[in-house]
Amino acid sequence: MQTQVKAWGNSQGIRLPKEVLQEASFSLDDYLDIKVSEGMITLVKPFRHQTLEERAAMYGGELSLDGEFDWGKPVGREIW
């Protein structure tokens, strides 16, 4: 697949097909890190921690934070 560098105002731009963005898990308005090395440009979505609200939304808006959690048997020098 090929694309072409074009003028975009006072800058240059490259259009990427929707399928390419979907395969890379990029969405509109995503921020990307740009890395240039040995004549190659790499676009990487930076890691971003989710907020508590975003995490709660994954569980229907409710997080069960009450009570104890069983982490299993001790595996090191934990003292209970």
N, C-alpha and C. Protein backbone atom coordinates (compact mmCIF):
# COMPACT_ATOMS: atom_id res chain seq x y z
N MET A 1 0.85 -1.16 0.00
CA MET A 1 0.00 0.00 0.00
C MET A 1 0.90 1.23 0.00
N GLN A 2 0.52 2.24 -0.76
CA GLN A 2 1.29 3.47 -0.81
C GLN A 2 0.39 4.66 -0.52
N THR A 3 0.99 5.72 -0.05
CA THR A 3 0.30 6.99 0.14
C THR A 3 1.27 8.08 -0.28
N GLN A 4 0.81 9.31 -0.30
CA GLN A 4 1.63 10.40 -0.82
C GLN A 4 1.64 11.55 0.18
N VAL A 5 2.81 12.18 0.34
CA VAL A 5 2.92 13.36 1.19
C VAL A 5 2.34 14.53 0.42
N LYS A 6 1.43 15.27 1.05
CA LYS A 6 0.75 16.39 0.40
C LYS A 6 0.87 17.64 1.26
N ALA A 7 0.71 18.79 0.65
CA ALA A 7 0.68 20.04 1.38
C ALA A 7 -0.62 20.11 2.18
N TRP A 8 -0.52 20.63 3.41
CA TRP A 8 -1.69 20.79 4.27
C TRP A 8 -1.48 22.09 5.01
N GLY A 9 -1.98 23.17 4.44
CA GLY A 9 -1.72 24.50 4.97
C GLY A 9 -0.24 24.80 4.82
N ASN A 10 0.41 25.22 5.89
CA ASN A 10 1.86 25.48 5.87
C ASN A 10 2.67 24.23 6.25
N SER A 11 2.02 23.11 6.41
CA SER A 11 2.68 21.86 6.79
C SER A 11 2.51 20.83 5.68
N GLN A 12 2.92 19.63 5.97
CA GLN A 12 2.70 18.50 5.07
C GLN A 12 1.93 17.44 5.83
N GLY A 13 1.16 16.66 5.09
CA GLY A 13 0.36 15.63 5.73
C GLY A 13 0.34 14.35 4.93
N ILE A 14 0.00 13.27 5.61
CA ILE A 14 -0.15 11.96 4.98
C ILE A 14 -1.52 11.43 5.37
N ARG A 15 -2.30 11.00 4.42
CA ARG A 15 -3.60 10.39 4.72
C ARG A 15 -3.42 8.90 4.89
N LEU A 16 -4.06 8.38 5.94
CA LEU A 16 -4.01 6.95 6.20
C LEU A 16 -5.40 6.37 6.03
N PRO A 17 -5.52 5.26 5.30
CA PRO A 17 -6.83 4.64 5.12
C PRO A 17 -7.43 4.20 6.46
N LYS A 18 -8.74 4.20 6.52
CA LYS A 18 -9.48 3.81 7.72
C LYS A 18 -9.07 2.41 8.19
N GLU A 19 -8.87 1.50 7.25
CA GLU A 19 -8.51 0.13 7.58
C GLU A 19 -7.16 0.07 8.29
N VAL A 20 -6.21 0.93 7.88
CA VAL A 20 -4.89 0.96 8.51
C VAL A 20 -5.02 1.45 9.95
N LEU A 21 -5.82 2.50 10.16
CA LEU A 21 -6.03 3.03 11.50
C LEU A 21 -6.71 1.99 12.40
N GLN A 22 -7.68 1.28 11.87
CA GLN A 22 -8.37 0.26 12.65
C GLN A 22 -7.41 -0.86 13.04
N GLU A 23 -6.57 -1.29 12.10
CA GLU A 23 -5.63 -2.38 12.39
C GLU A 23 -4.61 -1.96 13.45
N ALA A 24 -4.26 -0.67 13.47
CA ALA A 24 -3.31 -0.16 14.47
C ALA A 24 -4.00 0.26 15.76
N SER A 25 -5.32 0.12 15.81
CA SER A 25 -6.12 0.54 16.98
C SER A 25 -6.00 2.03 17.25
N PHE A 26 -5.91 2.83 16.19
CA PHE A 26 -5.90 4.28 16.30
C PHE A 26 -7.31 4.79 16.04
N SER A 27 -7.70 5.84 16.75
CA SER A 27 -9.01 6.47 16.56
C SER A 27 -8.80 7.95 16.26
N LEU A 28 -9.86 8.60 15.76
CA LEU A 28 -9.79 10.03 15.51
C LEU A 28 -9.45 10.75 16.81
N ASP A 29 -8.65 11.78 16.73
CA ASP A 29 -8.24 12.62 17.85
C ASP A 29 -7.30 11.93 18.83
N ASP A 30 -6.81 10.71 18.53
CA ASP A 30 -5.80 10.07 19.37
C ASP A 30 -4.51 10.88 19.28
N TYR A 31 -3.77 10.93 20.38
CA TYR A 31 -2.43 11.50 20.36
C TYR A 31 -1.45 10.38 20.09
N LEU A 32 -0.46 10.65 19.25
CA LEU A 32 0.53 9.65 18.88
C LEU A 32 1.93 10.19 19.12
N ASP A 33 2.83 9.33 19.56
CA ASP A 33 4.25 9.67 19.65
C ASP A 33 4.87 9.39 18.29
N ILE A 34 5.73 10.28 17.83
CA ILE A 34 6.41 10.13 16.54
C ILE A 34 7.87 9.82 16.82
N LYS A 35 8.36 8.75 16.23
CA LYS A 35 9.76 8.38 16.37
C LYS A 35 10.37 8.29 14.97
N VAL A 36 11.54 8.88 14.79
CA VAL A 36 12.23 8.84 13.51
C VAL A 36 13.58 8.18 13.71
N SER A 37 13.86 7.17 12.91
CA SER A 37 15.12 6.45 13.03
C SER A 37 15.49 5.85 11.68
N GLU A 38 16.67 6.16 11.24
CA GLU A 38 17.23 5.58 10.01
C GLU A 38 16.27 5.70 8.84
N GLY A 39 15.69 6.89 8.65
CA GLY A 39 14.82 7.13 7.51
C GLY A 39 13.42 6.55 7.63
N MET A 40 13.06 6.07 8.82
CA MET A 40 11.73 5.51 9.01
C MET A 40 10.98 6.32 10.07
N ILE A 41 9.70 6.53 9.84
CA ILE A 41 8.83 7.22 10.78
C ILE A 41 7.92 6.18 11.42
N THR A 42 7.87 6.18 12.74
CA THR A 42 7.01 5.24 13.48
C THR A 42 6.03 6.04 14.32
N LEU A 43 4.75 5.70 14.24
CA LEU A 43 3.71 6.32 15.05
C LEU A 43 3.28 5.33 16.12
N VAL A 44 3.31 5.77 17.39
CA VAL A 44 2.98 4.89 18.51
C VAL A 44 1.99 5.58 19.42
N LYS A 45 0.93 4.87 19.78
CA LYS A 45 -0.02 5.41 20.75
C LYS A 45 0.61 5.28 22.13
N PRO A 46 0.80 6.42 22.84
CA PRO A 46 1.43 6.34 24.15
C PRO A 46 0.52 5.66 25.17
N PHE A 47 1.14 5.01 26.15
CA PHE A 47 0.37 4.36 27.21
C PHE A 47 -0.24 5.43 28.10
N ARG A 48 -1.49 5.27 28.44
CA ARG A 48 -2.17 6.22 29.32
C ARG A 48 -2.97 5.42 30.33
N HIS A 49 -2.75 5.72 31.60
CA HIS A 49 -3.52 5.06 32.64
C HIS A 49 -4.97 5.50 32.54
N GLN A 50 -5.88 4.58 32.80
CA GLN A 50 -7.31 4.91 32.80
C GLN A 50 -7.68 5.57 34.12
N THR A 51 -8.64 6.48 34.04
CA THR A 51 -9.15 7.10 35.26
C THR A 51 -10.05 6.10 35.97
N LEU A 52 -10.37 6.37 37.23
CA LEU A 52 -11.26 5.50 37.98
C LEU A 52 -12.63 5.44 37.29
N GLU A 53 -13.09 6.56 36.75
CA GLU A 53 -14.37 6.58 36.06
C GLU A 53 -14.36 5.70 34.82
N GLU A 54 -13.25 5.72 34.07
CA GLU A 54 -13.13 4.87 32.88
C GLU A 54 -13.13 3.39 33.27
N ARG A 55 -12.45 3.07 34.34
CA ARG A 55 -12.42 1.68 34.80
C ARG A 55 -13.79 1.23 35.28
N ALA A 56 -14.49 2.11 36.01
CA ALA A 56 -15.83 1.78 36.50
C ALA A 56 -16.78 1.56 35.34
N ALA A 57 -16.64 2.34 34.27
CA ALA A 57 -17.52 2.20 33.12
C ALA A 57 -17.40 0.81 32.50
N MET A 58 -16.23 0.20 32.60
CA MET A 58 -16.04 -1.16 32.06
C MET A 58 -16.85 -2.18 32.84
N TYR A 59 -17.26 -1.85 34.07
CA TYR A 59 -18.01 -2.76 34.91
C TYR A 59 -19.41 -2.23 35.18
N GLY A 60 -19.99 -1.55 34.20
CA GLY A 60 -21.35 -1.06 34.34
C GLY A 60 -21.47 0.12 35.29
N GLY A 61 -20.37 0.82 35.52
CA GLY A 61 -20.40 2.00 36.36
C GLY A 61 -20.26 1.72 37.84
N GLU A 62 -20.07 0.45 38.22
CA GLU A 62 -19.96 0.13 39.64
C GLU A 62 -18.70 -0.69 39.91
N LEU A 63 -17.95 -0.25 40.90
CA LEU A 63 -16.80 -1.02 41.35
C LEU A 63 -17.07 -1.50 42.77
N SER A 64 -16.79 -2.74 43.03
CA SER A 64 -16.97 -3.29 44.38
C SER A 64 -15.65 -3.14 45.12
N LEU A 65 -15.57 -2.11 45.94
CA LEU A 65 -14.34 -1.86 46.68
C LEU A 65 -14.47 -2.21 48.15
N ASP A 66 -15.59 -2.82 48.54
CA ASP A 66 -15.82 -3.17 49.93
C ASP A 66 -15.25 -4.55 50.23
N GLY A 67 -14.87 -4.75 51.48
CA GLY A 67 -14.46 -6.07 51.93
C GLY A 67 -13.03 -6.40 51.61
N GLU A 68 -12.69 -7.64 51.83
CA GLU A 68 -11.34 -8.11 51.62
C GLU A 68 -11.23 -8.80 50.27
N PHE A 69 -10.00 -8.93 49.82
CA PHE A 69 -9.73 -9.61 48.56
C PHE A 69 -8.75 -10.73 48.84
N ASP A 70 -9.03 -11.92 48.32
CA ASP A 70 -8.16 -13.07 48.52
C ASP A 70 -7.07 -13.08 47.45
N TRP A 71 -5.83 -12.82 47.83
CA TRP A 71 -4.72 -12.81 46.90
C TRP A 71 -4.08 -14.19 46.77
N GLY A 72 -4.59 -15.17 47.46
CA GLY A 72 -4.02 -16.51 47.41
C GLY A 72 -3.03 -16.73 48.53
N LYS A 73 -2.36 -17.87 48.48
CA LYS A 73 -1.40 -18.22 49.53
C LYS A 73 -0.13 -17.38 49.39
N PRO A 74 0.55 -17.10 50.50
CA PRO A 74 1.80 -16.37 50.44
C PRO A 74 2.83 -17.11 49.57
N VAL A 75 3.59 -16.38 48.80
CA VAL A 75 4.59 -16.99 47.93
C VAL A 75 6.00 -16.55 48.27
N GLY A 76 6.13 -15.62 49.19
CA GLY A 76 7.46 -15.13 49.57
C GLY A 76 7.59 -15.13 51.06
N ARG A 77 8.09 -14.01 51.59
CA ARG A 77 8.31 -13.89 53.03
C ARG A 77 7.25 -13.00 53.65
N GLU A 78 6.03 -13.04 53.13
CA GLU A 78 4.95 -12.24 53.70
C GLU A 78 4.64 -12.73 55.11
N ILE A 79 4.30 -11.80 55.96
CA ILE A 79 3.91 -12.15 57.33
C ILE A 79 2.43 -11.83 57.48
N TRP A 80 1.63 -12.81 57.93
CA TRP A 80 0.19 -12.60 58.06
C TRP A 80 -0.18 -12.67 59.51
